[in-house]
Protein backbone atom coordinates (compact mmCIF):
# COMPACT_ATOMS: atom_id res chain seq x y z
CA MET A 1 -19.69 0.39 14.37
CA ILE A 2 -18.80 -0.52 17.95
CA GLU A 3 -15.40 -2.18 18.13
CA ILE A 4 -15.33 -5.13 20.53
CA THR A 5 -11.96 -6.52 19.46
CA PRO A 6 -9.79 -5.77 16.41
CA ALA A 7 -11.60 -8.64 14.64
CA ILE A 8 -15.15 -8.10 15.97
CA ALA A 9 -17.30 -4.99 15.55
CA LEU A 10 -21.03 -4.64 16.16
CA ASP A 11 -23.26 -2.59 13.90
CA GLU A 12 -25.07 -0.05 16.09
CA SER A 13 -28.35 -1.03 14.42
CA GLU A 14 -28.12 -4.42 16.18
CA ILE A 15 -28.57 -2.72 19.57
CA VAL A 16 -32.04 -1.53 20.51
CA GLU A 17 -32.10 1.27 23.06
CA ARG A 18 -35.13 2.55 24.95
CA PHE A 19 -35.68 4.72 27.97
CA ILE A 20 -37.84 3.39 30.79
CA ARG A 21 -38.88 4.58 34.23
CA ALA A 22 -36.40 3.76 36.94
CA ALA A 23 -37.50 1.81 40.00
CA GLY A 24 -36.80 2.90 43.55
CA PRO A 25 -36.18 6.28 45.14
CA GLY A 26 -35.51 9.21 42.87
CA GLY A 27 -37.24 12.28 44.11
CA GLN A 28 -40.15 14.07 42.50
CA ASN A 29 -39.57 12.79 38.97
CA VAL A 30 -39.27 9.06 39.69
CA ASN A 31 -42.69 8.19 38.26
CA LYS A 32 -42.78 10.93 35.62
CA VAL A 33 -39.49 10.80 33.74
CA SER A 34 -38.00 7.83 31.90
CA THR A 35 -34.36 8.04 32.96
CA ALA A 36 -33.38 4.36 33.03
CA VAL A 37 -31.89 2.85 29.88
CA GLU A 38 -32.61 -0.62 28.52
CA LEU A 39 -30.34 -2.06 25.83
CA ARG A 40 -31.29 -5.18 23.86
CA PHE A 41 -28.88 -7.18 21.70
CA ASP A 42 -29.96 -10.32 19.86
CA VAL A 43 -26.94 -12.54 20.47
CA ARG A 44 -28.42 -15.55 18.70
CA ARG A 45 -29.11 -13.70 15.43
CA SER A 46 -26.15 -11.33 15.37
CA ARG A 47 -24.13 -11.53 12.16
CA ALA A 48 -21.16 -9.80 13.80
CA LEU A 49 -20.36 -12.47 16.39
CA PRO A 50 -18.58 -15.69 15.50
CA ASN A 51 -20.55 -18.73 16.70
CA ASP A 52 -18.11 -19.63 19.50
CA VAL A 53 -18.18 -16.05 20.84
CA ALA A 54 -22.00 -15.96 20.75
CA ILE A 55 -22.21 -19.26 22.66
CA ARG A 56 -19.76 -18.01 25.30
CA LEU A 57 -21.67 -14.73 25.68
CA MET A 58 -24.96 -16.58 26.12
CA LYS A 59 -23.42 -18.73 28.86
CA LEU A 60 -21.98 -15.69 30.66
CA ALA A 61 -25.17 -13.60 30.38
CA GLY A 62 -27.12 -15.63 32.93
CA ARG A 63 -30.47 -14.04 33.83
CA ARG A 64 -29.84 -11.14 31.46
CA LEU A 65 -30.46 -13.45 28.48
CA THR A 66 -34.05 -14.12 27.36
CA GLN A 67 -35.21 -17.51 26.11
CA GLU A 68 -35.04 -16.07 22.58
CA GLY A 69 -31.32 -15.31 22.97
CA VAL A 70 -31.63 -11.56 23.49
CA LEU A 71 -29.23 -9.95 25.95
CA VAL A 72 -30.99 -7.26 28.04
CA LEU A 73 -29.00 -4.68 30.00
CA VAL A 74 -30.68 -2.08 32.22
CA ALA A 75 -28.89 0.93 33.71
CA MET A 76 -30.75 3.01 36.30
CA THR A 77 -28.26 4.08 38.94
CA HIS A 78 -28.12 7.71 37.82
CA ARG A 79 -30.86 10.35 37.66
CA THR A 80 -30.27 11.39 34.04
CA GLN A 81 -30.70 9.59 30.73
CA GLU A 82 -27.27 10.68 29.59
CA ARG A 83 -25.43 9.18 32.57
CA ASN A 84 -27.45 5.96 32.49
CA ARG A 85 -26.86 5.65 28.76
CA ALA A 86 -23.10 6.02 29.28
CA ASP A 87 -23.27 3.47 32.09
CA ALA A 88 -25.14 0.97 29.90
């Protein structure tokens, strides 16, 4: 469980993580190694979030929210999966 507040905790199974290739400069491995991290969280269908919190999150997400209500975060500033994962 990921504690958001004392009253709200997300089940880790609600977050989908995948590694993708990072865009931009990165040396020899930029087109060979998937170091960027993409996290997906279905805000609309989450059982952990109270309705008012989900609505507020969807408003704050802006372009990071898909039409289906999935929040997508991408971290690619670092050259390793581990650092990008921690960043995400």
